[in-house]
Amino acid sequence: MRRAVLVSLALISCYLISWVLIYAWVMEGDYSYVTEYFRLSWTGPGETPALIQLYSLAVTSLAGLILFAVFLLRKVRNGSKDHP
């Protein structure tokens, strides 16, 4: 349970950080509409908010796969030590 909470928090923070970084990249550092674009990326149409949303979800998915692989490798490595 504790690991699931930590992984969830890591993925949520990864999503938020990647969203802000991708927004800064797409909008060239103009943070005047960041809250409006974040709201539009979840509720409304628009090419730029949808693009930011897709890129940030892709980055978050890759981070989730990396976390899953790390935990799986640790489990396999620890399991092989228990059973010689």
N, C-alpha and C. Protein backbone atom coordinates (compact mmCIF):
# COMPACT_ATOMS: atom_id res chain seq x y z
N MET A 1 0.82 -1.19 0.00
CA MET A 1 0.00 0.00 0.00
C MET A 1 0.87 1.26 0.00
N ARG A 2 1.91 1.24 0.80
CA ARG A 2 2.78 2.40 0.90
C ARG A 2 3.48 2.67 -0.44
N ARG A 3 3.91 1.60 -1.10
CA ARG A 3 4.58 1.75 -2.40
C ARG A 3 3.60 2.31 -3.43
N ALA A 4 2.36 1.87 -3.39
CA ALA A 4 1.37 2.37 -4.35
C ALA A 4 1.13 3.86 -4.16
N VAL A 5 1.09 4.30 -2.92
CA VAL A 5 0.90 5.73 -2.65
C VAL A 5 2.10 6.52 -3.15
N LEU A 6 3.30 6.02 -2.90
CA LEU A 6 4.50 6.73 -3.35
C LEU A 6 4.58 6.78 -4.87
N VAL A 7 4.24 5.70 -5.53
CA VAL A 7 4.26 5.69 -7.00
C VAL A 7 3.20 6.64 -7.54
N SER A 8 2.02 6.65 -6.93
CA SER A 8 0.96 7.57 -7.37
C SER A 8 1.39 9.02 -7.22
N LEU A 9 1.99 9.34 -6.09
CA LEU A 9 2.46 10.71 -5.88
C LEU A 9 3.57 11.07 -6.86
N ALA A 10 4.45 10.12 -7.14
CA ALA A 10 5.52 10.37 -8.10
C ALA A 10 4.96 10.62 -9.49
N LEU A 11 3.95 9.85 -9.89
CA LEU A 11 3.38 10.04 -11.23
C LEU A 11 2.57 11.33 -11.33
N ILE A 12 1.87 11.68 -10.27
CA ILE A 12 1.12 12.94 -10.28
C ILE A 12 2.07 14.13 -10.36
N SER A 13 3.13 14.09 -9.57
CA SER A 13 4.10 15.19 -9.63
C SER A 13 4.82 15.22 -10.97
N CYS A 14 5.10 14.05 -11.53
CA CYS A 14 5.72 13.99 -12.86
C CYS A 14 4.80 14.61 -13.90
N TYR A 15 3.51 14.32 -13.81
CA TYR A 15 2.55 14.90 -14.76
C TYR A 15 2.53 16.42 -14.65
N LEU A 16 2.43 16.93 -13.42
CA LEU A 16 2.33 18.38 -13.25
C LEU A 16 3.62 19.08 -13.70
N ILE A 17 4.75 18.52 -13.34
CA ILE A 17 6.02 19.13 -13.75
C ILE A 17 6.19 19.08 -15.26
N SER A 18 5.88 17.93 -15.86
CA SER A 18 6.01 17.83 -17.31
C SER A 18 5.02 18.74 -18.02
N TRP A 19 3.82 18.91 -17.47
CA TRP A 19 2.84 19.79 -18.09
C TRP A 19 3.36 21.22 -18.10
N VAL A 20 3.90 21.67 -16.97
CA VAL A 20 4.40 23.05 -16.90
C VAL A 20 5.62 23.23 -17.82
N LEU A 21 6.51 22.25 -17.86
CA LEU A 21 7.68 22.36 -18.72
C LEU A 21 7.30 22.37 -20.20
N ILE A 22 6.35 21.52 -20.58
CA ILE A 22 5.91 21.48 -21.97
C ILE A 22 5.15 22.76 -22.34
N TYR A 23 4.36 23.27 -21.38
CA TYR A 23 3.68 24.55 -21.60
C TYR A 23 4.70 25.65 -21.84
N ALA A 24 5.75 25.67 -21.02
CA ALA A 24 6.78 26.70 -21.18
C ALA A 24 7.48 26.57 -22.52
N TRP A 25 7.68 25.35 -22.97
CA TRP A 25 8.34 25.12 -24.26
C TRP A 25 7.44 25.54 -25.42
N VAL A 26 6.17 25.15 -25.37
CA VAL A 26 5.24 25.46 -26.46
C VAL A 26 4.92 26.96 -26.50
N MET A 27 4.71 27.54 -25.34
CA MET A 27 4.32 28.96 -25.28
C MET A 27 5.52 29.89 -25.16
N GLU A 28 6.71 29.36 -25.25
CA GLU A 28 7.94 30.13 -25.23
C GLU A 28 8.10 30.99 -23.98
N GLY A 29 7.75 30.40 -22.83
CA GLY A 29 7.98 31.06 -21.55
C GLY A 29 6.92 32.06 -21.13
N ASP A 30 5.83 32.17 -21.85
CA ASP A 30 4.76 33.10 -21.49
C ASP A 30 3.81 32.40 -20.53
N TYR A 31 3.87 32.76 -19.24
CA TYR A 31 3.05 32.09 -18.23
C TYR A 31 1.75 32.82 -17.91
N SER A 32 1.35 33.76 -18.75
CA SER A 32 0.16 34.55 -18.44
C SER A 32 -1.14 33.75 -18.58
N TYR A 33 -1.14 32.66 -19.36
CA TYR A 33 -2.36 31.89 -19.56
C TYR A 33 -2.24 30.46 -19.04
N VAL A 34 -1.35 30.22 -18.10
CA VAL A 34 -1.09 28.84 -17.68
C VAL A 34 -2.32 28.21 -17.03
N THR A 35 -3.05 28.93 -16.20
CA THR A 35 -4.23 28.34 -15.55
C THR A 35 -5.35 28.10 -16.56
N GLU A 36 -5.50 29.03 -17.49
CA GLU A 36 -6.54 28.86 -18.51
C GLU A 36 -6.25 27.66 -19.41
N TYR A 37 -5.00 27.50 -19.80
CA TYR A 37 -4.63 26.37 -20.65
C TYR A 37 -4.74 25.04 -19.90
N PHE A 38 -4.41 25.06 -18.61
CA PHE A 38 -4.55 23.83 -17.82
C PHE A 38 -6.03 23.44 -17.72
N ARG A 39 -6.89 24.41 -17.49
CA ARG A 39 -8.33 24.13 -17.43
C ARG A 39 -8.83 23.64 -18.79
N LEU A 40 -8.41 24.28 -19.86
CA LEU A 40 -8.85 23.87 -21.20
C LEU A 40 -8.32 22.50 -21.59
N SER A 41 -7.15 22.14 -21.09
CA SER A 41 -6.61 20.83 -21.46
C SER A 41 -7.45 19.70 -20.87
N TRP A 42 -8.20 19.97 -19.82
CA TRP A 42 -9.05 18.93 -19.23
C TRP A 42 -10.52 19.07 -19.62
N THR A 43 -10.98 20.28 -19.90
CA THR A 43 -12.42 20.46 -20.10
C THR A 43 -12.82 20.86 -21.50
N GLY A 44 -11.99 21.58 -22.20
CA GLY A 44 -12.45 22.14 -23.46
C GLY A 44 -11.59 21.77 -24.64
N PRO A 45 -12.06 22.17 -25.81
CA PRO A 45 -11.29 21.90 -27.02
C PRO A 45 -10.17 22.92 -27.20
N GLY A 46 -9.36 22.65 -28.13
CA GLY A 46 -8.26 23.56 -28.45
C GLY A 46 -7.04 22.76 -28.85
N GLU A 47 -6.38 23.20 -29.89
CA GLU A 47 -5.23 22.45 -30.38
C GLU A 47 -4.05 22.52 -29.44
N THR A 48 -3.71 23.69 -28.97
CA THR A 48 -2.54 23.84 -28.11
C THR A 48 -2.73 23.17 -26.75
N PRO A 49 -3.87 23.37 -26.04
CA PRO A 49 -4.04 22.66 -24.77
C PRO A 49 -4.06 21.14 -24.95
N ALA A 50 -4.63 20.67 -26.03
CA ALA A 50 -4.65 19.22 -26.28
C ALA A 50 -3.26 18.70 -26.57
N LEU A 51 -2.46 19.47 -27.29
CA LEU A 51 -1.09 19.08 -27.58
C LEU A 51 -0.26 18.99 -26.29
N ILE A 52 -0.40 19.99 -25.44
CA ILE A 52 0.31 19.99 -24.16
C ILE A 52 -0.13 18.79 -23.33
N GLN A 53 -1.43 18.52 -23.32
CA GLN A 53 -1.96 17.39 -22.55
C GLN A 53 -1.41 16.06 -23.06
N LEU A 54 -1.41 15.87 -24.36
CA LEU A 54 -0.91 14.62 -24.93
C LEU A 54 0.58 14.42 -24.64
N TYR A 55 1.37 15.46 -24.80
CA TYR A 55 2.80 15.34 -24.53
C TYR A 55 3.07 15.04 -23.06
N SER A 56 2.36 15.71 -22.17
CA SER A 56 2.60 15.48 -20.74
C SER A 56 2.11 14.10 -20.32
N LEU A 57 1.03 13.61 -20.90
CA LEU A 57 0.59 12.24 -20.58
C LEU A 57 1.57 11.21 -21.13
N ALA A 58 2.17 11.50 -22.27
CA ALA A 58 3.18 10.58 -22.81
C ALA A 58 4.41 10.52 -21.90
N VAL A 59 4.85 11.67 -21.42
CA VAL A 59 6.00 11.71 -20.51
C VAL A 59 5.67 10.98 -19.22
N THR A 60 4.47 11.18 -18.70
CA THR A 60 4.05 10.51 -17.47
C THR A 60 3.95 9.00 -17.68
N SER A 61 3.47 8.57 -18.83
CA SER A 61 3.40 7.13 -19.12
C SER A 61 4.79 6.52 -19.18
N LEU A 62 5.72 7.21 -19.80
CA LEU A 62 7.09 6.72 -19.84
C LEU A 62 7.69 6.64 -18.43
N ALA A 63 7.41 7.63 -17.62
CA ALA A 63 7.90 7.59 -16.23
C ALA A 63 7.29 6.42 -15.48
N GLY A 64 6.01 6.15 -15.71
CA GLY A 64 5.35 5.00 -15.07
C GLY A 64 5.96 3.68 -15.51
N LEU A 65 6.27 3.56 -16.80
CA LEU A 65 6.91 2.34 -17.28
C LEU A 65 8.30 2.16 -16.68
N ILE A 66 9.03 3.25 -16.54
CA ILE A 66 10.35 3.16 -15.94
C ILE A 66 10.25 2.75 -14.47
N LEU A 67 9.30 3.34 -13.75
CA LEU A 67 9.10 2.95 -12.34
C LEU A 67 8.70 1.49 -12.23
N PHE A 68 7.82 1.05 -13.10
CA PHE A 68 7.40 -0.35 -13.09
C PHE A 68 8.57 -1.28 -13.36
N ALA A 69 9.41 -0.92 -14.33
CA ALA A 69 10.57 -1.75 -14.65
C ALA A 69 11.56 -1.79 -13.49
N VAL A 70 11.76 -0.66 -12.83
CA VAL A 70 12.68 -0.63 -11.68
C VAL A 70 12.15 -1.50 -10.56
N PHE A 71 10.87 -1.38 -10.25
CA PHE A 71 10.31 -2.20 -9.18
C PHE A 71 10.32 -3.68 -9.55
N LEU A 72 10.06 -3.99 -10.81
CA LEU A 72 10.08 -5.39 -11.24
C LEU A 72 11.49 -5.96 -11.17
N LEU A 73 12.48 -5.19 -11.60
CA LEU A 73 13.86 -5.66 -11.51
C LEU A 73 14.32 -5.84 -10.07
N ARG A 74 13.90 -4.94 -9.21
CA ARG A 74 14.25 -5.09 -7.79
C ARG A 74 13.60 -6.32 -7.20
N LYS A 75 12.35 -6.58 -7.60
CA LYS A 75 11.65 -7.75 -7.09
C LYS A 75 12.31 -9.04 -7.59
N VAL A 76 12.68 -9.07 -8.86
CA VAL A 76 13.34 -10.24 -9.43
C VAL A 76 14.70 -10.44 -8.78
N ARG A 77 15.44 -9.38 -8.61
CA ARG A 77 16.76 -9.47 -8.02
C ARG A 77 16.68 -9.95 -6.56
N ASN A 78 15.73 -9.41 -5.80
CA ASN A 78 15.57 -9.83 -4.41
C ASN A 78 15.02 -11.24 -4.33
N GLY A 79 14.17 -11.63 -5.26
CA GLY A 79 13.61 -12.97 -5.28
C GLY A 79 14.65 -14.02 -5.62
N SER A 80 15.59 -13.68 -6.48
CA SER A 80 16.63 -14.64 -6.84
C SER A 80 17.61 -14.87 -5.70
N LYS A 81 17.76 -13.89 -4.80
CA LYS A 81 18.62 -14.07 -3.65
C LYS A 81 17.97 -14.99 -2.61
N ASP A 82 16.64 -14.97 -2.56
CA ASP A 82 15.94 -15.81 -1.60
C ASP A 82 15.94 -17.27 -2.01
N HIS A 83 15.95 -17.53 -3.32
CA HIS A 83 15.88 -18.90 -3.82
C HIS A 83 17.15 -19.21 -4.62
N PRO A 84 18.14 -19.83 -3.97
CA PRO A 84 19.40 -20.10 -4.70
C PRO A 84 19.27 -21.20 -5.71
